[in-house]
Amino acid sequence: MNILVFNPGSSSVKYRLISMPEEKDLILGEAERVGIKTTGSSFISHVVLGEKRVINIDMPDHSTAFKCILAAIEEDVKKNSALKITAFAHRFVHPGNLYDRTTLVEDNDLKKLKTTFDLAPIHNPVSHSFMEMCHNYSKEIPQYAVFDTAFHAQIPPENYTYAIPNKIAKEYGIRRVGFHGISHKFVTGEACRFLKRDYNLQKIISCHLGTGGASICAMQDGHSINNTMGLTPLEGLIMNTRSGDIDMGVLFRLIAGDDLTLKQADEILNKKSGVLGIFGSSSDLRDAVKTMAQDKNAAFAFNMFIKRIKKYIGYYSLLLKKTDIVIFTDSLGVAVPLVREKICEDMEIFGIKIDKKKNAGYKEGIMDISSEKSEARILIVPTNEEIMIAREAYGAHK
């Protein structure tokens, strides 16, 4: 079964044609600079059975990108029929309370998912448009929606409930749902395979630390029991442009004191805060790391970022009572040794102690960077959301 996975972003589209259940990459690529004005032109990096070609083409919107990607794949299929698409699979960030597992997408599902755009305005509309385009491309090819929130569906009520009136919470569907579930599920599974441990018996803290979004997941007995993000991705850790946890009184003060609209206040908290708000020069923590020896704001942003993560690891360690595995993944979690070192510093009380030499010497793949004195195994595990999406779709198809 050849599953074409789409994982679109606001200005890019990652895609992979994966042969299942072998999990073999047949085609993989990314359309970049989609729908944005930059000094460079838009293009597609397209790799077929290991051979790469670059397609330089104007892509003013995601619809054009979709057509270009499918045209490239159709050209490949003419040369090799073994590359024929037999199913589509999509990452869908936030379905609200509509779905809690991977779903075969039919006409009625497209209508229902269209009502969720406000829950994830950057991601949901784009993912929905790809579902519609796939449906129009071929109604004979099944397509599946894989939800970022599904992994957190079994979080217990005491961890997902906000302390607001029950009637209001039920009427508006207000509860914590958690995100990055596709990534958390993938890396926790890979970590257990690496350590040859039973997935359903481990207590794990998974740190998905990206240059965009970031969240931490506490997992017990094969299920997520808590996630730092809430009803929306705004809650939790300090991120590139998101504030993370904040007193709601700040929002009220912004609106009342400065005559800001709700939309403007939302933009401040979601797009102008976090690392960007504190550092000022960039939203990328890697830039802060490079300059923090000379820039006090960079150092301050870095320290705040680290302390927020340590706070949640401490909380989740107490929640789990004993942590078996700590995982670092995504761009900051994998590529920045100093982030891992500072997060694990002075965490021995929770059974977490890093080996600094192993940590600094990391190159690629899965690696154990635990000190011999560490009770918890500390692992670097690169994430692979596209493979996880393909696994979920294949499982739903069988």
Protein backbone atom coordinates (compact mmCIF):
# COMPACT_ATOMS: atom_id res chain seq x y z
CA MET A 1 0.00 0.00 0.00
CA ASN A 2 1.49 3.36 -1.08
CA ILE A 3 0.34 6.18 1.19
CA LEU A 4 0.97 9.78 0.16
CA VAL A 5 1.34 11.80 3.36
CA PHE A 6 0.76 15.55 3.34
CA ASN A 7 2.06 17.70 6.20
CA PRO A 8 1.48 21.31 5.10
CA GLY A 9 2.71 24.39 6.92
CA SER A 10 1.82 28.05 6.48
CA SER A 11 4.38 28.54 3.67
CA SER A 12 5.57 25.01 2.88
CA VAL A 13 4.28 21.52 2.11
CA LYS A 14 6.12 18.38 3.23
CA TYR A 15 5.05 15.20 1.46
CA ARG A 16 6.14 11.56 1.36
CA LEU A 17 4.96 8.53 -0.57
CA ILE A 18 5.57 5.64 1.79
CA SER A 19 5.19 1.93 1.03
CA MET A 20 3.40 0.26 3.92
CA PRO A 21 3.84 -1.81 5.98
CA GLU A 22 7.51 -1.86 4.92
CA GLU A 23 7.78 1.86 5.76
CA LYS A 24 9.93 2.38 2.70
CA ASP A 25 10.30 5.90 1.30
CA LEU A 26 9.41 5.89 -2.40
CA ILE A 27 9.07 9.63 -2.91
CA LEU A 28 9.72 12.47 -0.50
CA GLY A 29 9.90 16.18 -0.91
CA GLU A 30 8.98 19.65 0.20
CA ALA A 31 7.47 22.63 -1.57
CA GLU A 32 9.03 25.78 -0.11
CA ARG A 33 8.19 29.50 -0.13
CA VAL A 34 4.56 28.81 -0.95
CA GLY A 35 2.31 31.88 -1.06
CA ILE A 36 4.86 34.31 0.39
CA LYS A 37 7.00 37.07 -1.05
CA THR A 38 10.72 36.51 -0.53
CA THR A 39 13.92 37.45 -2.28
CA GLY A 40 14.13 33.87 -3.57
CA SER A 41 11.68 32.02 -5.80
CA SER A 42 9.54 29.09 -4.73
CA PHE A 43 10.68 25.57 -5.52
CA ILE A 44 10.10 21.88 -4.82
CA SER A 45 12.80 19.49 -3.60
CA HIS A 46 11.62 16.16 -5.01
CA VAL A 47 13.38 12.85 -4.28
CA VAL A 48 12.35 9.63 -6.05
CA LEU A 49 13.91 6.37 -4.83
CA GLY A 50 16.93 8.33 -3.61
CA GLU A 51 17.38 10.47 -6.73
CA LYS A 52 16.83 14.19 -6.17
CA ARG A 53 15.67 16.88 -8.52
CA VAL A 54 14.71 20.49 -7.87
CA ILE A 55 11.61 21.90 -9.54
CA ASN A 56 11.71 25.70 -9.79
CA ILE A 57 8.15 26.91 -10.20
CA ASP A 58 6.01 29.80 -8.99
CA MET A 59 3.61 28.70 -6.23
CA PRO A 60 1.45 31.67 -5.20
CA ASP A 61 -0.80 29.45 -3.06
CA HIS A 62 -1.19 25.94 -1.62
CA SER A 63 -3.54 24.92 -4.42
CA THR A 64 -0.77 25.52 -6.97
CA ALA A 65 1.71 23.64 -4.78
CA PHE A 66 -0.65 20.64 -4.61
CA LYS A 67 -1.05 20.57 -8.40
CA CYS A 68 2.73 20.81 -8.91
CA ILE A 69 3.43 17.99 -6.44
CA LEU A 70 0.82 15.69 -8.00
CA ALA A 71 2.08 16.50 -11.50
CA ALA A 72 5.63 15.52 -10.47
CA ILE A 73 4.40 12.26 -8.95
CA GLU A 74 2.26 11.46 -12.02
CA GLU A 75 5.37 11.89 -14.16
CA ASP A 76 7.21 9.44 -11.89
CA VAL A 77 4.35 6.91 -12.05
CA LYS A 78 4.51 6.91 -15.86
CA LYS A 79 8.10 5.71 -15.58
CA ASN A 80 7.49 3.32 -12.68
CA SER A 81 3.98 1.99 -11.94
CA ALA A 82 5.13 0.76 -8.51
CA LEU A 83 4.93 4.41 -7.37
CA LYS A 84 1.15 4.60 -7.84
CA ILE A 85 -0.73 6.29 -4.97
CA THR A 86 -3.22 3.99 -3.18
CA ALA A 87 -4.16 6.27 -0.23
CA PHE A 88 -3.76 9.83 1.05
CA ALA A 89 -3.05 10.75 4.69
CA HIS A 90 -3.10 14.19 6.28
CA ARG A 91 -1.93 15.74 9.52
CA PHE A 92 -4.84 17.68 11.01
CA VAL A 93 -3.90 19.71 14.08
CA HIS A 94 -7.15 20.37 15.99
CA PRO A 95 -10.51 18.67 15.33
CA GLY A 96 -12.05 20.01 18.54
CA ASN A 97 -14.30 17.39 20.14
CA LEU A 98 -15.29 15.88 16.80
CA TYR A 99 -12.69 13.10 16.54
CA ASP A 100 -10.37 11.25 18.91
CA ARG A 101 -8.77 8.81 16.46
CA THR A 102 -7.56 8.50 12.87
CA THR A 103 -10.55 8.76 10.52
CA LEU A 104 -11.41 7.81 6.95
CA VAL A 105 -12.42 11.17 5.46
CA GLU A 106 -15.70 11.24 3.51
CA ASP A 107 -17.98 14.07 2.36
CA ASN A 108 -19.63 14.51 5.76
CA ASP A 109 -16.25 14.62 7.52
CA LEU A 110 -15.08 17.40 5.22
CA LYS A 111 -18.14 19.43 6.22
CA LYS A 112 -17.61 18.81 9.94
CA LEU A 113 -13.89 19.60 9.87
CA LYS A 114 -14.61 22.90 8.14
CA THR A 115 -16.19 24.11 11.39
CA THR A 116 -12.86 23.82 13.27
CA PHE A 117 -10.86 26.51 11.48
CA ASP A 118 -10.97 28.91 14.45
CA LEU A 119 -9.32 26.33 16.73
CA ALA A 120 -6.10 26.28 14.67
CA PRO A 121 -6.39 29.14 12.14
CA ILE A 122 -2.84 28.71 10.79
CA HIS A 123 -2.99 24.94 10.23
CA ASN A 124 -6.58 23.66 9.96
CA PRO A 125 -7.70 25.61 6.85
CA VAL A 126 -4.61 24.52 4.90
CA SER A 127 -4.96 20.85 5.88
CA HIS A 128 -8.67 20.96 5.02
CA SER A 129 -7.92 22.44 1.61
CA PHE A 130 -5.55 19.53 0.88
CA MET A 131 -8.28 17.06 1.83
CA GLU A 132 -10.69 18.76 -0.56
CA MET A 133 -8.09 18.81 -3.35
CA CYS A 134 -7.34 15.10 -2.84
CA HIS A 135 -11.06 14.36 -2.88
CA ASN A 136 -11.43 16.26 -6.16
CA TYR A 137 -8.32 14.63 -7.59
CA SER A 138 -9.75 11.14 -7.11
CA LYS A 139 -12.80 10.00 -5.20
CA GLU A 140 -11.58 6.42 -5.62
CA ILE A 141 -8.43 6.90 -3.53
CA PRO A 142 -9.25 6.75 0.23
CA GLN A 143 -7.86 9.46 2.46
CA TYR A 144 -7.31 9.56 6.20
CA ALA A 145 -7.05 12.38 8.73
CA VAL A 146 -4.52 11.86 11.53
CA PHE A 147 -5.11 14.23 14.45
CA ASP A 148 -2.40 15.86 16.54
CA THR A 149 -4.74 15.78 19.55
CA ALA A 150 -5.74 12.09 19.33
CA PHE A 151 -2.76 10.78 21.33
CA HIS A 152 -3.97 12.86 24.28
CA ALA A 153 -7.57 11.60 24.17
CA GLN A 154 -7.12 9.54 27.37
CA ILE A 155 -5.77 12.35 29.55
CA PRO A 156 -7.74 12.02 32.83
CA PRO A 157 -10.42 14.64 33.62
CA GLU A 158 -8.47 16.13 36.54
CA ASN A 159 -5.70 16.99 34.08
CA TYR A 160 -7.83 18.31 31.19
CA THR A 161 -10.51 20.24 33.08
CA TYR A 162 -10.27 24.02 33.52
CA ALA A 163 -11.63 25.47 36.77
CA ILE A 164 -14.51 27.33 35.13
CA PRO A 165 -18.26 26.67 35.46
CA ASN A 166 -19.12 23.19 34.14
CA LYS A 167 -22.05 24.50 32.13
CA ILE A 168 -19.87 26.95 30.22
CA ALA A 169 -17.12 24.35 29.66
CA LYS A 170 -19.63 21.88 28.18
CA GLU A 171 -21.49 24.45 26.10
CA TYR A 172 -18.34 25.78 24.43
CA GLY A 173 -16.25 22.59 24.49
CA ILE A 174 -13.59 24.19 26.67
CA ARG A 175 -11.00 21.72 27.95
CA ARG A 176 -7.30 21.02 27.59
CA VAL A 177 -6.59 18.79 24.58
CA GLY A 178 -2.80 18.83 24.08
CA PHE A 179 -0.83 18.87 20.84
CA HIS A 180 2.21 17.39 19.02
CA GLY A 181 0.61 14.00 19.67
CA ILE A 182 1.85 12.53 16.39
CA SER A 183 5.44 13.40 17.31
CA HIS A 184 5.14 12.34 20.96
CA LYS A 185 3.69 8.97 19.96
CA PHE A 186 6.45 8.37 17.42
CA VAL A 187 9.42 9.23 19.65
CA THR A 188 8.12 7.37 22.71
CA GLY A 189 7.64 4.25 20.59
CA GLU A 190 11.11 4.56 19.06
CA ALA A 191 12.68 5.12 22.49
CA CYS A 192 11.13 1.93 23.88
CA ARG A 193 12.29 -0.05 20.83
CA PHE A 194 15.80 1.36 21.24
CA LEU A 195 15.90 0.39 24.92
CA LYS A 196 14.09 -2.93 24.29
CA ARG A 197 11.43 -2.04 26.84
CA ASP A 198 7.69 -2.68 26.94
CA TYR A 199 5.98 0.49 25.69
CA ASN A 200 2.95 -0.13 27.91
CA LEU A 201 4.99 -0.30 31.12
CA GLN A 202 7.08 2.87 30.83
CA LYS A 203 6.73 6.27 32.49
CA ILE A 204 8.04 8.79 29.97
CA ILE A 205 8.55 12.54 29.72
CA SER A 206 8.75 13.58 26.04
CA CYS A 207 10.07 17.05 25.22
CA HIS A 208 9.13 18.20 21.70
CA LEU A 209 11.16 21.41 21.42
CA GLY A 210 10.78 23.05 18.04
CA THR A 211 11.78 26.44 16.71
CA GLY A 212 8.05 27.07 16.26
CA GLY A 213 5.90 25.13 18.71
CA ALA A 214 7.07 23.27 21.80
CA SER A 215 5.35 20.99 24.29
CA ILE A 216 6.08 18.35 26.90
CA CYS A 217 4.06 15.16 27.32
CA ALA A 218 3.83 12.91 30.38
CA MET A 219 3.11 9.32 29.35
CA GLN A 220 2.22 6.34 31.51
CA ASP A 221 1.28 2.77 30.52
CA GLY A 222 1.21 3.61 26.81
CA HIS A 223 -1.02 6.69 27.14
CA SER A 224 -0.57 10.43 27.42
CA ILE A 225 -1.71 11.60 30.84
CA ASN A 226 -0.81 15.28 30.45
CA ASN A 227 0.52 17.79 27.93
CA THR A 228 1.73 21.34 28.47
CA MET A 229 -0.50 22.78 25.73
CA GLY A 230 -4.19 23.35 26.46
CA LEU A 231 -7.30 24.08 24.43
CA THR A 232 -4.97 25.84 21.98
CA PRO A 233 -1.19 25.71 21.46
CA LEU A 234 -0.78 29.01 23.36
CA GLU A 235 -0.62 27.39 26.80
CA GLY A 236 2.49 25.88 28.36
CA LEU A 237 6.11 26.46 27.39
CA ILE A 238 7.66 29.67 26.12
CA MET A 239 7.83 29.27 22.33
CA ASN A 240 9.21 31.25 19.41
CA THR A 241 6.38 33.83 19.32
CA ARG A 242 3.88 32.40 21.85
CA SER A 243 3.92 33.51 25.47
CA GLY A 244 3.02 30.13 26.94
CA ASP A 245 1.47 30.19 30.43
CA ILE A 246 0.23 33.64 31.34
CA ASP A 247 -2.14 35.24 33.85
CA MET A 248 -5.40 35.82 31.95
CA GLY A 249 -5.56 39.18 33.68
CA VAL A 250 -2.81 40.28 31.28
CA LEU A 251 -5.23 39.76 28.37
CA PHE A 252 -7.94 41.79 30.08
CA ARG A 253 -5.47 44.57 30.87
CA LEU A 254 -4.23 44.68 27.28
CA ILE A 255 -7.76 45.09 26.00
CA ALA A 256 -8.95 47.57 28.64
CA GLY A 257 -5.81 49.63 29.18
CA ASP A 258 -4.45 50.14 25.69
CA ASP A 259 -7.70 50.17 23.71
CA LEU A 260 -6.60 47.05 21.85
CA THR A 261 -9.10 44.79 20.14
CA LEU A 262 -9.32 41.13 21.10
CA LYS A 263 -7.74 40.25 17.74
CA GLN A 264 -4.79 42.56 18.41
CA ALA A 265 -4.29 41.15 21.91
CA ASP A 266 -4.41 37.62 20.48
CA GLU A 267 -1.75 38.59 17.93
CA ILE A 268 0.50 39.94 20.70
CA LEU A 269 0.31 36.71 22.73
CA ASN A 270 0.54 34.32 19.76
CA LYS A 271 2.80 36.12 17.29
CA LYS A 272 4.81 38.79 19.13
CA SER A 273 5.65 37.20 22.48
CA GLY A 274 7.78 34.25 23.59
CA VAL A 275 11.44 34.30 22.55
CA LEU A 276 10.76 37.13 20.09
CA GLY A 277 9.14 39.30 22.75
CA ILE A 278 11.96 38.85 25.27
CA PHE A 279 14.96 38.66 22.94
CA GLY A 280 13.65 41.24 20.49
CA SER A 281 16.02 40.45 17.61
CA SER A 282 14.73 37.03 16.55
CA SER A 283 12.09 34.42 17.37
CA ASP A 284 14.62 31.59 16.92
CA LEU A 285 16.21 30.45 20.17
CA ARG A 286 19.27 29.30 18.21
CA ASP A 287 19.99 32.96 17.41
CA ALA A 288 19.73 33.80 21.10
CA VAL A 289 22.20 31.01 21.94
CA LYS A 290 24.73 32.44 19.46
CA THR A 291 24.58 35.97 20.89
CA MET A 292 23.75 35.57 24.58
CA ALA A 293 27.35 36.07 25.70
CA GLN A 294 27.11 39.67 24.45
CA ASP A 295 23.35 40.28 24.55
CA LYS A 296 21.58 40.36 27.94
CA ASN A 297 18.15 40.02 26.34
CA ALA A 298 19.28 36.90 24.48
CA ALA A 299 20.59 35.35 27.70
CA PHE A 300 17.42 36.31 29.57
CA ALA A 301 15.19 34.74 26.87
CA PHE A 302 17.27 31.54 26.92
CA ASN A 303 17.14 31.27 30.72
CA MET A 304 13.38 31.84 30.81
CA PHE A 305 12.87 29.22 28.08
CA ILE A 306 14.92 26.67 30.04
CA LYS A 307 13.32 27.37 33.43
CA ARG A 308 9.79 26.93 32.08
CA ILE A 309 10.76 23.50 30.72
CA LYS A 310 12.44 22.50 34.01
CA LYS A 311 9.28 23.53 35.86
CA TYR A 312 7.14 21.15 33.81
CA ILE A 313 9.64 18.28 33.93
CA GLY A 314 9.64 18.63 37.72
CA TYR A 315 5.84 18.65 37.83
CA TYR A 316 5.53 15.65 35.50
CA SER A 317 8.20 13.75 37.47
CA LEU A 318 6.02 14.12 40.57
CA LEU A 319 2.91 13.22 38.56
CA LEU A 320 4.55 10.01 37.32
CA LYS A 321 6.20 9.39 40.73
CA LYS A 322 9.18 7.83 38.92
CA THR A 323 10.39 8.66 35.41
CA ASP A 324 11.86 5.83 33.35
CA ILE A 325 12.74 7.76 30.16
CA VAL A 326 13.24 11.44 29.25
CA ILE A 327 13.20 12.22 25.52
CA PHE A 328 14.41 15.27 23.60
CA THR A 329 13.16 15.74 20.05
CA ASP A 330 12.56 18.22 17.20
CA SER A 331 14.89 21.00 16.09
CA LEU A 332 15.93 22.53 19.44
CA GLY A 333 15.73 19.24 21.30
CA VAL A 334 17.98 17.47 18.79
CA ALA A 335 20.29 20.13 17.36
CA VAL A 336 21.18 22.32 20.38
CA PRO A 337 23.26 20.47 23.03
CA LEU A 338 23.23 23.46 25.39
CA VAL A 339 19.43 23.30 25.62
CA ARG A 340 19.57 19.67 26.80
CA GLU A 341 22.47 20.34 29.16
CA LYS A 342 20.81 23.28 30.91
CA ILE A 343 17.42 21.56 31.16
CA CYS A 344 19.01 18.55 32.88
CA GLU A 345 21.24 20.64 35.14
CA ASP A 346 20.46 20.21 38.87
CA MET A 347 17.65 17.73 38.13
CA GLU A 348 19.23 14.84 40.09
CA ILE A 349 16.44 15.10 42.66
CA PHE A 350 14.13 13.72 39.95
CA GLY A 351 16.58 10.98 38.94
CA ILE A 352 17.72 12.90 35.85
CA LYS A 353 21.46 13.38 35.22
CA ILE A 354 23.04 13.97 31.82
CA ASP A 355 26.48 12.89 30.61
CA LYS A 356 27.89 16.17 29.27
CA LYS A 357 30.47 14.53 27.00
CA LYS A 358 27.92 12.23 25.37
CA ASN A 359 25.52 15.14 25.00
CA ALA A 360 28.10 17.40 23.34
CA GLY A 361 29.23 14.59 21.03
CA TYR A 362 25.81 13.76 19.58
CA LYS A 363 25.74 13.55 15.76
CA GLU A 364 22.64 11.75 14.50
CA GLY A 365 20.03 9.07 15.15
CA ILE A 366 18.84 7.88 18.55
CA MET A 367 21.39 8.27 21.34
CA ASP A 368 21.44 7.63 25.08
CA ILE A 369 23.08 10.63 26.80
CA SER A 370 22.40 9.53 30.38
CA SER A 371 25.04 9.64 33.07
CA GLU A 372 25.78 6.31 34.79
CA LYS A 373 24.28 7.90 37.92
CA SER A 374 21.00 8.80 36.20
CA GLU A 375 17.95 6.79 37.27
CA ALA A 376 16.07 7.84 34.13
CA ARG A 377 17.41 7.07 30.67
CA ILE A 378 17.83 10.33 28.74
CA LEU A 379 17.52 9.94 24.98
CA ILE A 380 17.77 12.09 21.88
CA VAL A 381 15.19 10.79 19.38
CA PRO A 382 14.69 12.61 16.05
CA THR A 383 10.99 12.80 15.25
CA ASN A 384 9.37 11.55 12.05
CA GLU A 385 5.76 12.71 11.88
CA GLU A 386 5.24 11.54 8.29
CA ILE A 387 6.07 7.91 9.14
CA MET A 388 3.76 8.09 12.16
CA ILE A 389 0.96 9.50 10.00
CA ALA A 390 1.47 6.65 7.51
CA ARG A 391 1.36 4.09 10.33
CA GLU A 392 -1.88 5.52 11.66
CA ALA A 393 -3.50 5.60 8.22
CA TYR A 394 -2.36 2.06 7.44
CA GLY A 395 -3.73 0.84 10.78
CA ALA A 396 -7.10 2.49 10.10
CA HIS A 397 -7.21 1.05 6.57
CA LYS A 398 -6.67 -2.60 7.58
